C-alpha cells in the first residue's frame, strides 16, 4: 500500500466518520470510517518506514582510495 492509497483511505474514513449522517440497521457507518482511518494511518507509517530504509534512486556507494603522499626530494 502506498502513500496515495493510505491518504485516500484516511480521507474516505474521515468523510464516513464526520460527514455522513445516514444510519442503517446492523451497520455503523461511523465505525467503518474509524476502521478505514486506522488502516490508512498504519499503511502510511509502514510505507514511510519502507521508503526510509530503501534509500531511493541514484544512491551509490563511492569507494575512495587514497594514495600515499609522495616524498619530495629536496635539492640543495
C-alpha atoms as a PDB file:
ATOM      1  CA  UNK A   1       0.000   0.000   0.000  1.00  0.00           C
ATOM      2  CA  UNK A   2       1.470   3.321  -0.992  1.00  0.00           C
ATOM      3  CA  UNK A   3       1.165   6.799   0.424  1.00  0.00           C
ATOM      4  CA  UNK A   4      -1.531   7.712  -2.096  1.00  0.00           C
ATOM      5  CA  UNK A   5      -3.711   4.751  -1.159  1.00  0.00           C
ATOM      6  CA  UNK A   6      -3.211   5.493   2.520  1.00  0.00           C
ATOM      7  CA  UNK A   7      -4.251   9.119   2.094  1.00  0.00           C
ATOM      8  CA  UNK A   8      -7.343   8.069   0.137  1.00  0.00           C
ATOM      9  CA  UNK A   9      -8.304   5.621   2.907  1.00  0.00           C
ATOM     10  CA  UNK A  10      -7.785   8.277   5.569  1.00  0.00           C
ATOM     11  CA  UNK A  11      -9.882  10.792   3.633  1.00  0.00           C
ATOM     12  CA  UNK A  12     -12.679   8.302   2.941  1.00  0.00           C
ATOM     13  CA  UNK A  13     -12.692   7.219   6.597  1.00  0.00           C
ATOM     14  CA  UNK A  14     -12.820  10.804   7.814  1.00  0.00           C
ATOM     15  CA  UNK A  15     -15.726  11.568   5.492  1.00  0.00           C
ATOM     16  CA  UNK A  16     -17.594   8.485   6.680  1.00  0.00           C
ATOM     17  CA  UNK A  17     -16.872   9.277  10.331  1.00  0.00           C
ATOM     18  CA  UNK A  18     -17.506  13.015  10.463  1.00  0.00           C
ATOM     19  CA  UNK A  19     -19.657  13.988   7.464  1.00  0.00           C
ATOM     20  CA  UNK A  20     -22.127  11.157   6.905  1.00  0.00           C
ATOM     21  CA  UNK A  21     -25.316  11.350   8.934  1.00  0.00           C
ATOM     22  CA  UNK A  22     -27.096   8.328   7.461  1.00  0.00           C
ATOM     23  CA  UNK A  23     -27.832   5.382   9.714  1.00  0.00           C
ATOM     24  CA  UNK A  24     -28.536   1.754   8.920  1.00  0.00           C
ATOM     25  CA  UNK A  25     -29.712  -1.200  10.988  1.00  0.00           C
ATOM     26  CA  UNK A  26     -26.832  -3.506  11.921  1.00  0.00           C
ATOM     27  CA  UNK A  27     -24.222  -1.388  10.135  1.00  0.00           C
ATOM     28  CA  UNK A  28     -22.373   1.553  11.619  1.00  0.00           C
ATOM     29  CA  UNK A  29     -21.013   3.977   9.046  1.00  0.00           C
ATOM     30  CA  UNK A  30     -19.030   5.774  11.740  1.00  0.00           C
ATOM     31  CA  UNK A  31     -17.285   2.583  12.862  1.00  0.00           C
ATOM     32  CA  UNK A  32     -16.312   1.744   9.276  1.00  0.00           C
ATOM     33  CA  UNK A  33     -14.933   5.273   8.933  1.00  0.00           C
ATOM     34  CA  UNK A  34     -12.772   4.880  12.017  1.00  0.00           C
ATOM     35  CA  UNK A  35     -11.511   1.493  10.785  1.00  0.00           C
ATOM     36  CA  UNK A  36     -10.598   2.977   7.395  1.00  0.00           C
ATOM     37  CA  UNK A  37      -8.720   5.842   9.048  1.00  0.00           C
ATOM     38  CA  UNK A  38      -6.754   3.434  11.242  1.00  0.00           C
ATOM     39  CA  UNK A  39      -5.852   1.221   8.268  1.00  0.00           C
ATOM     40  CA  UNK A  40      -4.800   4.298   6.294  1.00  0.00           C
ATOM     41  CA  UNK A  41      -2.601   5.612   9.105  1.00  0.00           C
ATOM     42  CA  UNK A  42      -0.911   2.231   9.636  1.00  0.00           C
ATOM     43  CA  UNK A  43      -0.369   1.893   5.879  1.00  0.00           C
ATOM     44  CA  UNK A  44       1.153   5.379   5.664  1.00  0.00           C
ATOM     45  CA  UNK A  45       3.520   4.692   8.563  1.00  0.00           C
ATOM     46  CA  UNK A  46       4.643   1.383   7.045  1.00  0.00           C
ATOM     47  CA  UNK A  47       5.110   2.990   3.654  1.00  0.00           C
ATOM     48  CA  UNK A  48       7.224   5.786   5.135  1.00  0.00           C
ATOM     49  CA  UNK A  49       9.305   3.253   7.079  1.00  0.00           C
ATOM     50  CA  UNK A  50       9.982   1.151   3.981  1.00  0.00           C
ATOM     51  CA  UNK A  51      10.862   4.191   1.862  1.00  0.00           C
ATOM     52  CA  UNK A  52      13.242   5.448   4.543  1.00  0.00           C
ATOM     53  CA  UNK A  53      15.022   2.096   4.717  1.00  0.00           C
ATOM     54  CA  UNK A  54      15.226   1.730   0.933  1.00  0.00           C
ATOM     55  CA  UNK A  55      17.191   4.894   0.223  1.00  0.00           C
ATOM     56  CA  UNK A  56      15.744   5.918  -3.120  1.00  0.00           C
ATOM     57  CA  UNK A  57      17.141   6.134  -6.624  1.00  0.00           C
ATOM     58  CA  UNK A  58      20.667   7.074  -7.513  1.00  0.00           C
ATOM     59  CA  UNK A  59      22.269   6.167  -4.255  1.00  0.00           C
ATOM     60  CA  UNK A  60      25.662   4.739  -4.981  1.00  0.00           C
ATOM     61  CA  UNK A  61      28.490   3.556  -2.858  1.00  0.00           C
ATOM     62  CA  UNK A  62      31.623   5.512  -3.564  1.00  0.00           C
ATOM     63  CA  UNK A  63      34.888   3.909  -2.628  1.00  0.00           C
ATOM     64  CA  UNK A  64      37.688   6.384  -2.289  1.00  0.00           C
ATOM     65  CA  UNK A  65      41.239   5.182  -2.184  1.00  0.00           C
ATOM     66  CA  UNK A  66      43.958   7.486  -1.061  1.00  0.00           C
ATOM     67  CA  UNK A  67      47.417   7.253  -2.422  1.00  0.00           C
ATOM     68  CA  UNK A  68      50.266   7.761  -0.035  1.00  0.00           C
ATOM     69  CA  UNK A  69      51.786  11.189  -0.315  1.00  0.00           C
ATOM     70  CA  UNK A  70      54.846  11.017  -2.496  1.00  0.00           C
ATOM     71  CA  UNK A  71      58.039  12.076  -0.961  1.00  0.00           C
ATOM     72  CA  UNK A  72      59.569  15.173  -2.365  1.00  0.00           C
ATOM     73  CA  UNK A  73      63.268  15.282  -2.784  1.00  0.00           C
ATOM     74  CA  UNK A  74      64.920  18.410  -1.605  1.00  0.00           C
ATOM     75  CA  UNK A  75      67.597  19.652  -3.922  1.00  0.00           C
ATOM     76  CA  UNK A  76      70.315  21.798  -2.301  1.00  0.00           C
END
